[in-house]
Amino acid sequence: MNNPGLSLIALRTDTAWHETLGSCLAAGNAWAKKAPVLGFAVAKAAFSQNNHPNRVAVYDTGAAMMSLTIQAIEMDSHVHQMAGFDLNLARQVAGIPEGFDPVAMFALGHLGDPDSLNPDQKARELAPRTRKPRSELVFGSQWSHAVL
């Protein structure tokens, strides 16, 4: 059995801890400090039962975050996952031990007002969403030979 993704969270009601986690955010993600919950998605690098390396730890953590995101939507909330945070500061302030890797930071709560964002962030938030074409993502018998 694989390790699940782990989370370390701070509720806004715990002001000092929430501010501490918020201090790890990159400047472009400072808006997330307004979220009711901030957290780290953390991967455990080795299996608990035998301490062998878990090569799918990051995959497991991503799957756990996907589950959290779907559950949040079901409960009329949202999760925003971010790579923009200071990894070393996160390890330090949260006391994340060796063998555990912060994969992403996340904000959990309701959508905010786009007018509270700076102009660049507001433009990105309100821009139509685009996706890469499947031909760049799904391959057949050889890498880069699109099948869809």
C-alpha atoms as a PDB file:
ATOM      1  CA  MET A   1       0.000   0.000   0.000  1.00  0.00           C
ATOM      2  CA  ASN A   2       1.319   3.444  -0.918  1.00  0.00           C
ATOM      3  CA  ASN A   3       1.586   6.315   1.525  1.00  0.00           C
ATOM      4  CA  PRO A   4      -1.181   8.856   1.120  1.00  0.00           C
ATOM      5  CA  GLY A   5      -0.280  12.461   0.497  1.00  0.00           C
ATOM      6  CA  LEU A   6       0.084  14.312   3.770  1.00  0.00           C
ATOM      7  CA  SER A   7      -1.088  17.821   4.569  1.00  0.00           C
ATOM      8  CA  LEU A   8       0.100  20.393   7.057  1.00  0.00           C
ATOM      9  CA  ILE A   9      -2.476  23.159   7.472  1.00  0.00           C
ATOM     10  CA  ALA A  10      -3.053  26.499   9.155  1.00  0.00           C
ATOM     11  CA  LEU A  11      -6.520  27.873   9.829  1.00  0.00           C
ATOM     12  CA  ARG A  12      -6.942  31.645   9.625  1.00  0.00           C
ATOM     13  CA  THR A  13      -8.387  31.518  13.161  1.00  0.00           C
ATOM     14  CA  ASP A  14      -4.889  30.524  14.339  1.00  0.00           C
ATOM     15  CA  THR A  15      -3.521  33.889  13.269  1.00  0.00           C
ATOM     16  CA  ALA A  16       0.160  33.400  14.129  1.00  0.00           C
ATOM     17  CA  TRP A  17       0.434  29.970  12.485  1.00  0.00           C
ATOM     18  CA  HIS A  18      -1.532  31.120   9.416  1.00  0.00           C
ATOM     19  CA  GLU A  19       0.799  34.126   9.048  1.00  0.00           C
ATOM     20  CA  THR A  20       3.827  31.846   9.456  1.00  0.00           C
ATOM     21  CA  LEU A  21       2.703  29.580   6.625  1.00  0.00           C
ATOM     22  CA  GLY A  22       1.743  32.652   4.591  1.00  0.00           C
ATOM     23  CA  SER A  23       5.305  33.948   4.941  1.00  0.00           C
ATOM     24  CA  CYS A  24       6.430  31.015   2.767  1.00  0.00           C
ATOM     25  CA  LEU A  25       4.407  32.195  -0.247  1.00  0.00           C
ATOM     26  CA  ALA A  26       6.124  33.774  -3.236  1.00  0.00           C
ATOM     27  CA  ALA A  27       5.201  37.418  -3.813  1.00  0.00           C
ATOM     28  CA  GLY A  28       2.917  36.504  -6.724  1.00  0.00           C
ATOM     29  CA  ASN A  29       0.860  34.275  -4.429  1.00  0.00           C
ATOM     30  CA  ALA A  30       0.523  36.781  -1.566  1.00  0.00           C
ATOM     31  CA  TRP A  31      -3.228  37.004  -2.326  1.00  0.00           C
ATOM     32  CA  ALA A  32      -3.553  33.492  -0.828  1.00  0.00           C
ATOM     33  CA  LYS A  33      -2.883  34.888   2.651  1.00  0.00           C
ATOM     34  CA  LYS A  34      -6.569  35.894   2.662  1.00  0.00           C
ATOM     35  CA  ALA A  35      -7.704  32.246   2.397  1.00  0.00           C
ATOM     36  CA  PRO A  36      -9.270  30.645   5.478  1.00  0.00           C
ATOM     37  CA  VAL A  37      -6.894  27.672   5.171  1.00  0.00           C
ATOM     38  CA  LEU A  38      -3.297  27.521   3.964  1.00  0.00           C
ATOM     39  CA  GLY A  39      -1.408  24.277   3.736  1.00  0.00           C
ATOM     40  CA  PHE A  40       1.402  22.218   2.340  1.00  0.00           C
ATOM     41  CA  ALA A  41       0.899  19.000   0.411  1.00  0.00           C
ATOM     42  CA  VAL A  42       3.728  16.770   1.605  1.00  0.00           C
ATOM     43  CA  ALA A  43       5.082  13.533   0.122  1.00  0.00           C
ATOM     44  CA  LYS A  44       6.658  10.843   2.276  1.00  0.00           C
ATOM     45  CA  ALA A  45       9.714   9.610   0.367  1.00  0.00           C
ATOM     46  CA  ALA A  46       9.700   6.070   1.802  1.00  0.00           C
ATOM     47  CA  PHE A  47       7.051   3.455   2.509  1.00  0.00           C
ATOM     48  CA  SER A  48       5.988   3.298   6.161  1.00  0.00           C
ATOM     49  CA  GLN A  49       5.958  -0.496   6.393  1.00  0.00           C
ATOM     50  CA  ASN A  50       9.520  -1.153   5.171  1.00  0.00           C
ATOM     51  CA  ASN A  51      11.218   2.236   4.691  1.00  0.00           C
ATOM     52  CA  HIS A  52      11.982   1.415   1.031  1.00  0.00           C
ATOM     53  CA  PRO A  53      12.006   4.404  -1.345  1.00  0.00           C
ATOM     54  CA  ASN A  54       8.586   5.250  -2.737  1.00  0.00           C
ATOM     55  CA  ARG A  55       9.138   6.335  -6.323  1.00  0.00           C
ATOM     56  CA  VAL A  56       5.456   7.287  -6.635  1.00  0.00           C
ATOM     57  CA  ALA A  57       5.291   9.460  -3.500  1.00  0.00           C
ATOM     58  CA  VAL A  58       4.761  12.668  -5.475  1.00  0.00           C
ATOM     59  CA  TYR A  59       2.126  10.936  -7.610  1.00  0.00           C
ATOM     60  CA  ASP A  60       0.316   9.787  -4.458  1.00  0.00           C
ATOM     61  CA  THR A  61       0.439  13.300  -3.039  1.00  0.00           C
ATOM     62  CA  GLY A  62      -0.978  14.722  -6.272  1.00  0.00           C
ATOM     63  CA  ALA A  63      -3.794  12.176  -6.164  1.00  0.00           C
ATOM     64  CA  ALA A  64      -4.551  13.133  -2.555  1.00  0.00           C
ATOM     65  CA  MET A  65      -4.677  16.804  -3.548  1.00  0.00           C
ATOM     66  CA  MET A  66      -6.976  15.974  -6.445  1.00  0.00           C
ATOM     67  CA  SER A  67      -9.299  14.242  -3.986  1.00  0.00           C
ATOM     68  CA  LEU A  68      -9.209  17.263  -1.673  1.00  0.00           C
ATOM     69  CA  THR A  69      -9.973  19.548  -4.622  1.00  0.00           C
ATOM     70  CA  ILE A  70     -12.957  17.471  -5.756  1.00  0.00           C
ATOM     71  CA  GLN A  71     -14.298  17.272  -2.196  1.00  0.00           C
ATOM     72  CA  ALA A  72     -13.898  21.035  -1.761  1.00  0.00           C
ATOM     73  CA  ILE A  73     -15.884  21.670  -4.948  1.00  0.00           C
ATOM     74  CA  GLU A  74     -18.581  19.281  -3.708  1.00  0.00           C
ATOM     75  CA  MET A  75     -18.764  21.419  -0.557  1.00  0.00           C
ATOM     76  CA  ASP A  76     -18.933  24.700  -2.547  1.00  0.00           C
ATOM     77  CA  SER A  77     -15.316  25.646  -1.828  1.00  0.00           C
ATOM     78  CA  HIS A  78     -12.162  25.805  -3.893  1.00  0.00           C
ATOM     79  CA  VAL A  79      -8.543  24.690  -3.651  1.00  0.00           C
ATOM     80  CA  HIS A  80      -5.762  26.590  -5.370  1.00  0.00           C
ATOM     81  CA  GLN A  81      -2.477  24.691  -5.545  1.00  0.00           C
ATOM     82  CA  MET A  82       0.781  26.629  -5.833  1.00  0.00           C
ATOM     83  CA  ALA A  83       4.395  25.871  -6.613  1.00  0.00           C
ATOM     84  CA  GLY A  84       5.325  29.454  -5.736  1.00  0.00           C
ATOM     85  CA  PHE A  85       6.621  29.125  -2.187  1.00  0.00           C
ATOM     86  CA  ASP A  86       9.984  29.050  -0.426  1.00  0.00           C
ATOM     87  CA  LEU A  87      10.752  25.355   0.047  1.00  0.00           C
ATOM     88  CA  ASN A  88      13.575  25.872   2.552  1.00  0.00           C
ATOM     89  CA  LEU A  89      11.543  28.324   4.625  1.00  0.00           C
ATOM     90  CA  ALA A  90       8.623  25.878   4.602  1.00  0.00           C
ATOM     91  CA  ARG A  91      10.852  23.108   5.939  1.00  0.00           C
ATOM     92  CA  GLN A  92      12.220  25.415   8.605  1.00  0.00           C
ATOM     93  CA  VAL A  93       9.034  27.051   9.918  1.00  0.00           C
ATOM     94  CA  ALA A  94       6.933  23.889   9.768  1.00  0.00           C
ATOM     95  CA  GLY A  95       9.628  21.565  11.083  1.00  0.00           C
ATOM     96  CA  ILE A  96       9.204  19.214   8.124  1.00  0.00           C
ATOM     97  CA  PRO A  97      11.685  16.383   8.764  1.00  0.00           C
ATOM     98  CA  GLU A  98      14.030  14.601   6.371  1.00  0.00           C
ATOM     99  CA  GLY A  99      12.222  12.044   4.275  1.00  0.00           C
ATOM    100  CA  PHE A 100       9.211  14.317   3.748  1.00  0.00           C
ATOM    101  CA  ASP A 101       9.027  16.676   0.787  1.00  0.00           C
ATOM    102  CA  PRO A 102       6.699  19.672   0.496  1.00  0.00           C
ATOM    103  CA  VAL A 103       5.335  19.276  -3.043  1.00  0.00           C
ATOM    104  CA  ALA A 104       2.952  22.229  -3.228  1.00  0.00           C
ATOM    105  CA  MET A 105       1.313  24.830  -1.118  1.00  0.00           C
ATOM    106  CA  PHE A 106      -2.448  25.297  -1.269  1.00  0.00           C
ATOM    107  CA  ALA A 107      -5.167  27.737  -0.306  1.00  0.00           C
ATOM    108  CA  LEU A 108      -8.621  26.428   0.584  1.00  0.00           C
ATOM    109  CA  GLY A 109     -11.753  28.558   0.779  1.00  0.00           C
ATOM    110  CA  HIS A 110     -14.274  30.456  -1.293  1.00  0.00           C
ATOM    111  CA  LEU A 111     -13.363  32.453  -4.384  1.00  0.00           C
ATOM    112  CA  GLY A 112     -12.249  35.995  -3.661  1.00  0.00           C
ATOM    113  CA  ASP A 113     -13.097  39.220  -5.429  1.00  0.00           C
ATOM    114  CA  PRO A 114     -10.954  39.638  -8.581  1.00  0.00           C
ATOM    115  CA  ASP A 115     -10.974  43.398  -7.947  1.00  0.00           C
ATOM    116  CA  SER A 116      -8.753  42.782  -4.911  1.00  0.00           C
ATOM    117  CA  LEU A 117      -5.944  41.474  -7.166  1.00  0.00           C
ATOM    118  CA  ASN A 118      -3.225  43.531  -8.814  1.00  0.00           C
ATOM    119  CA  PRO A 119      -3.876  44.265 -12.526  1.00  0.00           C
ATOM    120  CA  ASP A 120      -1.700  41.400 -13.850  1.00  0.00           C
ATOM    121  CA  GLN A 121      -3.248  38.840 -11.498  1.00  0.00           C
ATOM    122  CA  LYS A 122      -6.747  40.102 -12.267  1.00  0.00           C
ATOM    123  CA  ALA A 123      -6.143  39.790 -16.011  1.00  0.00           C
ATOM    124  CA  ARG A 124      -4.914  36.187 -15.581  1.00  0.00           C
ATOM    125  CA  GLU A 125      -7.854  35.337 -13.325  1.00  0.00           C
ATOM    126  CA  LEU A 126     -10.440  36.693 -15.753  1.00  0.00           C
ATOM    127  CA  ALA A 127      -8.788  35.411 -18.952  1.00  0.00           C
ATOM    128  CA  PRO A 128     -10.438  32.480 -20.741  1.00  0.00           C
ATOM    129  CA  ARG A 129      -8.912  29.156 -19.740  1.00  0.00           C
ATOM    130  CA  THR A 130      -6.914  27.338 -22.384  1.00  0.00           C
ATOM    131  CA  ARG A 131      -5.579  23.811 -22.511  1.00  0.00           C
ATOM    132  CA  LYS A 132      -2.849  22.216 -24.566  1.00  0.00           C
ATOM    133  CA  PRO A 133      -4.190  20.111 -27.406  1.00  0.00           C
ATOM    134  CA  ARG A 134      -4.326  16.354 -26.771  1.00  0.00           C
ATOM    135  CA  SER A 135      -1.861  15.893 -29.637  1.00  0.00           C
ATOM    136  CA  GLU A 136       0.807  17.350 -27.336  1.00  0.00           C
ATOM    137  CA  LEU A 137      -0.134  15.116 -24.409  1.00  0.00           C
ATOM    138  CA  VAL A 138      -1.258  11.652 -25.593  1.00  0.00           C
ATOM    139  CA  PHE A 139       1.095   9.476 -27.600  1.00  0.00           C
ATOM    140  CA  GLY A 140       0.886   6.076 -29.242  1.00  0.00           C
ATOM    141  CA  SER A 141       3.572   3.581 -30.168  1.00  0.00           C
ATOM    142  CA  GLN A 142       6.327   6.190 -30.072  1.00  0.00           C
ATOM    143  CA  TRP A 143       6.922   9.274 -28.007  1.00  0.00           C
ATOM    144  CA  SER A 144       5.655  12.383 -29.817  1.00  0.00           C
ATOM    145  CA  HIS A 145       3.472  10.386 -32.248  1.00  0.00           C
ATOM    146  CA  ALA A 146       0.051  11.761 -31.361  1.00  0.00           C
ATOM    147  CA  VAL A 147      -2.852   9.324 -31.366  1.00  0.00           C
ATOM    148  CA  LEU A 148      -5.687  11.759 -30.539  1.00  0.00           C
END
